[in-house]
Amino acid sequence: MKSSEKDQAFLDEVYRKARLLEFDKREAEKVERNSRRLSRQRNTKFAGIVFVAAVVFLLIRAGRMDQPLVLLLSLLLFGAGLLVEKTELAWRADNDK
């Protein structure tokens, strides 16, 4: 093997390792970005649940739990569930792109 062929083989190996390290770096950035996105999703869901629970608690505490209010709260919870499902599907669609 000639000296230039050895040099070229060495450079090819160095470039291959550099491409591999760059790929690993991009993948680590993707993992970090997805981790932040999932954290935001969990926090949003948790905040929504806490908010609805606080409203229900305050209404129970005030003693205003009559039949129309129970119906309204049921519709509110149903709507919140649909909203969570819709946003979750939207977030999944963003992840697939």
N, C-alpha and C. Protein backbone atom coordinates (compact mmCIF):
# COMPACT_ATOMS: atom_id res chain seq x y z
N MET A 1 0.83 -1.16 0.00
CA MET A 1 0.00 0.00 0.00
C MET A 1 0.89 1.24 0.00
N LYS A 2 0.58 2.16 -0.85
CA LYS A 2 1.37 3.38 -0.93
C LYS A 2 1.04 4.30 0.22
N SER A 3 1.92 5.23 0.44
CA SER A 3 1.76 6.20 1.52
C SER A 3 0.51 7.05 1.30
N SER A 4 0.23 7.46 0.08
CA SER A 4 -0.94 8.29 -0.20
C SER A 4 -2.24 7.50 0.01
N GLU A 5 -2.19 6.21 -0.30
CA GLU A 5 -3.38 5.37 -0.07
C GLU A 5 -3.64 5.21 1.43
N LYS A 6 -2.56 5.07 2.19
CA LYS A 6 -2.72 4.98 3.65
C LYS A 6 -3.28 6.28 4.22
N ASP A 7 -2.75 7.39 3.71
CA ASP A 7 -3.24 8.70 4.16
C ASP A 7 -4.73 8.87 3.81
N GLN A 8 -5.10 8.46 2.60
CA GLN A 8 -6.49 8.58 2.18
C GLN A 8 -7.40 7.69 3.02
N ALA A 9 -6.95 6.47 3.31
CA ALA A 9 -7.73 5.56 4.15
C ALA A 9 -7.90 6.14 5.56
N PHE A 10 -6.83 6.72 6.08
CA PHE A 10 -6.90 7.35 7.40
C PHE A 10 -7.88 8.51 7.40
N LEU A 11 -7.80 9.37 6.37
CA LEU A 11 -8.72 10.50 6.28
C LEU A 11 -10.17 10.05 6.13
N ASP A 12 -10.38 9.00 5.34
CA ASP A 12 -11.74 8.47 5.19
C ASP A 12 -12.30 8.00 6.54
N GLU A 13 -11.47 7.36 7.31
CA GLU A 13 -11.89 6.88 8.64
C GLU A 13 -12.18 8.06 9.57
N VAL A 14 -11.34 9.09 9.52
CA VAL A 14 -11.55 10.27 10.36
C VAL A 14 -12.87 10.95 9.98
N TYR A 15 -13.14 11.10 8.68
CA TYR A 15 -14.38 11.73 8.23
C TYR A 15 -15.60 10.88 8.62
N ARG A 16 -15.45 9.57 8.54
CA ARG A 16 -16.56 8.69 8.92
C ARG A 16 -16.89 8.86 10.40
N LYS A 17 -15.85 8.92 11.23
CA LYS A 17 -16.07 9.11 12.67
C LYS A 17 -16.66 10.48 12.96
N ALA A 18 -16.23 11.50 12.22
CA ALA A 18 -16.77 12.85 12.41
C ALA A 18 -18.25 12.89 12.05
N ARG A 19 -18.62 12.22 10.95
CA ARG A 19 -20.04 12.16 10.57
C ARG A 19 -20.85 11.42 11.62
N LEU A 20 -20.30 10.37 12.16
CA LEU A 20 -20.98 9.60 13.20
C LEU A 20 -21.17 10.44 14.46
N LEU A 21 -20.16 11.18 14.86
CA LEU A 21 -20.28 12.05 16.04
C LEU A 21 -21.31 13.16 15.80
N GLU A 22 -21.35 13.70 14.59
CA GLU A 22 -22.34 14.74 14.27
C GLU A 22 -23.75 14.16 14.32
N PHE A 23 -23.92 12.96 13.81
CA PHE A 23 -25.22 12.29 13.87
C PHE A 23 -25.64 12.07 15.32
N ASP A 24 -24.73 11.60 16.15
CA ASP A 24 -25.03 11.39 17.56
C ASP A 24 -25.43 12.70 18.24
N LYS A 25 -24.74 13.78 17.88
CA LYS A 25 -25.05 15.09 18.46
C LYS A 25 -26.46 15.53 18.07
N ARG A 26 -26.84 15.36 16.80
CA ARG A 26 -28.19 15.72 16.36
C ARG A 26 -29.24 14.88 17.05
N GLU A 27 -28.98 13.59 17.21
CA GLU A 27 -29.93 12.72 17.89
C GLU A 27 -30.10 13.12 19.36
N ALA A 28 -29.03 13.50 20.02
CA ALA A 28 -29.11 13.95 21.41
C ALA A 28 -29.92 15.23 21.51
N GLU A 29 -29.78 16.12 20.54
CA GLU A 29 -30.58 17.35 20.52
C GLU A 29 -32.05 17.03 20.33
N LYS A 30 -32.37 16.07 19.47
CA LYS A 30 -33.76 15.66 19.27
C LYS A 30 -34.36 15.10 20.55
N VAL A 31 -33.58 14.28 21.24
CA VAL A 31 -34.05 13.69 22.50
C VAL A 31 -34.34 14.79 23.51
N GLU A 32 -33.46 15.75 23.61
CA GLU A 32 -33.64 16.86 24.55
C GLU A 32 -34.88 17.67 24.19
N ARG A 33 -35.05 17.97 22.92
CA ARG A 33 -36.22 18.73 22.47
C ARG A 33 -37.52 17.97 22.76
N ASN A 34 -37.53 16.68 22.49
CA ASN A 34 -38.73 15.88 22.76
C ASN A 34 -38.99 15.77 24.25
N SER A 35 -37.95 15.71 25.04
CA SER A 35 -38.11 15.66 26.49
C SER A 35 -38.77 16.94 27.00
N ARG A 36 -38.33 18.08 26.50
CA ARG A 36 -38.95 19.36 26.90
C ARG A 36 -40.40 19.42 26.47
N ARG A 37 -40.69 18.94 25.26
CA ARG A 37 -42.07 18.96 24.75
C ARG A 37 -42.97 18.08 25.62
N LEU A 38 -42.51 16.89 25.96
CA LEU A 38 -43.29 16.01 26.81
C LEU A 38 -43.50 16.61 28.20
N SER A 39 -42.49 17.28 28.70
CA SER A 39 -42.61 17.93 30.00
C SER A 39 -43.68 19.03 29.95
N ARG A 40 -43.69 19.82 28.89
CA ARG A 40 -44.72 20.85 28.74
C ARG A 40 -46.11 20.23 28.66
N GLN A 41 -46.23 19.12 27.93
CA GLN A 41 -47.52 18.46 27.81
C GLN A 41 -48.01 17.98 29.17
N ARG A 42 -47.14 17.35 29.94
CA ARG A 42 -47.52 16.88 31.26
C ARG A 42 -47.92 18.04 32.16
N ASN A 43 -47.16 19.13 32.11
CA ASN A 43 -47.47 20.29 32.94
C ASN A 43 -48.80 20.91 32.55
N THR A 44 -49.10 20.98 31.26
CA THR A 44 -50.37 21.53 30.79
C THR A 44 -51.53 20.68 31.27
N LYS A 45 -51.41 19.38 31.12
CA LYS A 45 -52.48 18.48 31.58
C LYS A 45 -52.67 18.61 33.09
N PHE A 46 -51.58 18.63 33.82
CA PHE A 46 -51.66 18.73 35.28
C PHE A 46 -52.31 20.04 35.69
N ALA A 47 -51.95 21.13 35.03
CA ALA A 47 -52.53 22.44 35.36
C ALA A 47 -54.03 22.44 35.08
N GLY A 48 -54.44 21.84 33.99
CA GLY A 48 -55.87 21.77 33.67
C GLY A 48 -56.63 20.97 34.71
N ILE A 49 -56.08 19.85 35.11
CA ILE A 49 -56.74 19.00 36.11
C ILE A 49 -56.82 19.73 37.45
N VAL A 50 -55.74 20.40 37.84
CA VAL A 50 -55.74 21.14 39.10
C VAL A 50 -56.76 22.28 39.05
N PHE A 51 -56.85 22.96 37.92
CA PHE A 51 -57.80 24.06 37.78
C PHE A 51 -59.24 23.57 37.92
N VAL A 52 -59.58 22.50 37.22
CA VAL A 52 -60.94 21.96 37.30
C VAL A 52 -61.23 21.47 38.71
N ALA A 53 -60.27 20.81 39.33
CA ALA A 53 -60.46 20.33 40.70
C ALA A 53 -60.66 21.50 41.66
N ALA A 54 -59.92 22.58 41.47
CA ALA A 54 -60.07 23.75 42.35
C ALA A 54 -61.44 24.38 42.17
N VAL A 55 -61.92 24.48 40.96
CA VAL A 55 -63.26 25.05 40.71
C VAL A 55 -64.33 24.19 41.36
N VAL A 56 -64.23 22.89 41.18
CA VAL A 56 -65.21 21.98 41.79
C VAL A 56 -65.14 22.08 43.31
N PHE A 57 -63.95 22.12 43.87
CA PHE A 57 -63.80 22.24 45.32
C PHE A 57 -64.44 23.52 45.83
N LEU A 58 -64.18 24.62 45.15
CA LEU A 58 -64.76 25.89 45.57
C LEU A 58 -66.29 25.89 45.49
N LEU A 59 -66.82 25.27 44.47
CA LEU A 59 -68.27 25.19 44.34
C LEU A 59 -68.88 24.29 45.42
N ILE A 60 -68.22 23.20 45.73
CA ILE A 60 -68.70 22.33 46.80
C ILE A 60 -68.60 23.06 48.13
N ARG A 61 -67.51 23.76 48.33
CA ARG A 61 -67.29 24.50 49.58
C ARG A 61 -68.34 25.60 49.76
N ALA A 62 -68.73 26.23 48.68
CA ALA A 62 -69.73 27.29 48.75
C ALA A 62 -71.14 26.73 48.92
N GLY A 63 -71.28 25.42 48.76
CA GLY A 63 -72.59 24.78 48.93
C GLY A 63 -73.54 25.04 47.79
N ARG A 64 -73.00 25.25 46.61
CA ARG A 64 -73.85 25.57 45.46
C ARG A 64 -73.93 24.41 44.48
N MET A 65 -73.94 23.21 44.96
CA MET A 65 -73.97 22.04 44.08
C MET A 65 -75.42 21.63 43.83
N ASP A 66 -76.15 22.38 43.02
CA ASP A 66 -77.50 21.99 42.65
C ASP A 66 -77.46 21.29 41.29
N GLN A 67 -78.61 20.83 40.84
CA GLN A 67 -78.64 20.00 39.63
C GLN A 67 -78.13 20.71 38.37
N PRO A 68 -78.52 21.94 38.09
CA PRO A 68 -77.97 22.60 36.89
C PRO A 68 -76.44 22.77 36.96
N LEU A 69 -75.93 23.02 38.15
CA LEU A 69 -74.49 23.18 38.29
C LEU A 69 -73.76 21.86 38.05
N VAL A 70 -74.33 20.77 38.54
CA VAL A 70 -73.73 19.46 38.30
C VAL A 70 -73.73 19.16 36.80
N LEU A 71 -74.80 19.51 36.11
CA LEU A 71 -74.86 19.31 34.66
C LEU A 71 -73.80 20.17 33.97
N LEU A 72 -73.67 21.42 34.40
CA LEU A 72 -72.67 22.31 33.82
C LEU A 72 -71.26 21.78 34.05
N LEU A 73 -70.98 21.30 35.27
CA LEU A 73 -69.66 20.74 35.56
C LEU A 73 -69.39 19.49 34.75
N SER A 74 -70.41 18.67 34.56
CA SER A 74 -70.24 17.47 33.74
C SER A 74 -69.87 17.85 32.31
N LEU A 75 -70.57 18.85 31.77
CA LEU A 75 -70.24 19.32 30.42
C LEU A 75 -68.85 19.93 30.36
N LEU A 76 -68.48 20.65 31.42
CA LEU A 76 -67.14 21.23 31.49
C LEU A 76 -66.07 20.14 31.49
N LEU A 77 -66.28 19.11 32.30
CA LEU A 77 -65.31 18.00 32.34
C LEU A 77 -65.26 17.26 31.01
N PHE A 78 -66.41 17.08 30.39
CA PHE A 78 -66.46 16.43 29.08
C PHE A 78 -65.69 17.26 28.05
N GLY A 79 -65.91 18.56 28.06
CA GLY A 79 -65.18 19.45 27.15
C GLY A 79 -63.68 19.45 27.41
N ALA A 80 -63.32 19.44 28.70
CA ALA A 80 -61.89 19.41 29.05
C ALA A 80 -61.25 18.12 28.55
N GLY A 81 -61.97 17.01 28.69
CA GLY A 81 -61.45 15.74 28.19
C GLY A 81 -61.25 15.76 26.69
N LEU A 82 -62.22 16.32 25.96
CA LEU A 82 -62.08 16.43 24.51
C LEU A 82 -60.92 17.35 24.13
N LEU A 83 -60.76 18.43 24.88
CA LEU A 83 -59.67 19.36 24.61
C LEU A 83 -58.31 18.70 24.83
N VAL A 84 -58.19 17.95 25.91
CA VAL A 84 -56.93 17.25 26.19
C VAL A 84 -56.64 16.24 25.08
N GLU A 85 -57.67 15.51 24.66
CA GLU A 85 -57.47 14.53 23.59
C GLU A 85 -57.07 15.20 22.29
N LYS A 86 -57.72 16.33 21.97
CA LYS A 86 -57.41 17.03 20.73
C LYS A 86 -55.99 17.58 20.75
N THR A 87 -55.59 18.19 21.86
CA THR A 87 -54.23 18.74 21.93
C THR A 87 -53.19 17.62 21.92
N GLU A 88 -53.52 16.50 22.54
CA GLU A 88 -52.59 15.38 22.54
C GLU A 88 -52.40 14.86 21.12
N LEU A 89 -53.49 14.78 20.34
CA LEU A 89 -53.37 14.33 18.96
C LEU A 89 -52.60 15.35 18.13
N ALA A 90 -52.81 16.64 18.40
CA ALA A 90 -52.07 17.68 17.67
C ALA A 90 -50.59 17.58 17.98
N TRP A 91 -50.23 17.34 19.26
CA TRP A 91 -48.83 17.22 19.64
C TRP A 91 -48.20 15.99 18.98
N ARG A 92 -48.98 14.92 18.88
CA ARG A 92 -48.45 13.72 18.21
C ARG A 92 -48.20 14.00 16.73
N ALA A 93 -49.11 14.75 16.10
CA ALA A 93 -48.93 15.08 14.70
C ALA A 93 -47.68 15.92 14.49
N ASP A 94 -47.39 16.83 15.43
CA ASP A 94 -46.17 17.63 15.36
C ASP A 94 -44.94 16.75 15.49
N ASN A 95 -45.01 15.74 16.32
CA ASN A 95 -43.86 14.83 16.53
C ASN A 95 -43.61 13.98 15.29
N ASP A 96 -44.66 13.65 14.55
CA ASP A 96 -44.49 12.79 13.39
C ASP A 96 -43.85 13.51 12.22
N LYS A 97 -43.89 14.83 12.22
CA LYS A 97 -43.33 15.59 11.08
C LYS A 97 -41.84 15.61 11.11
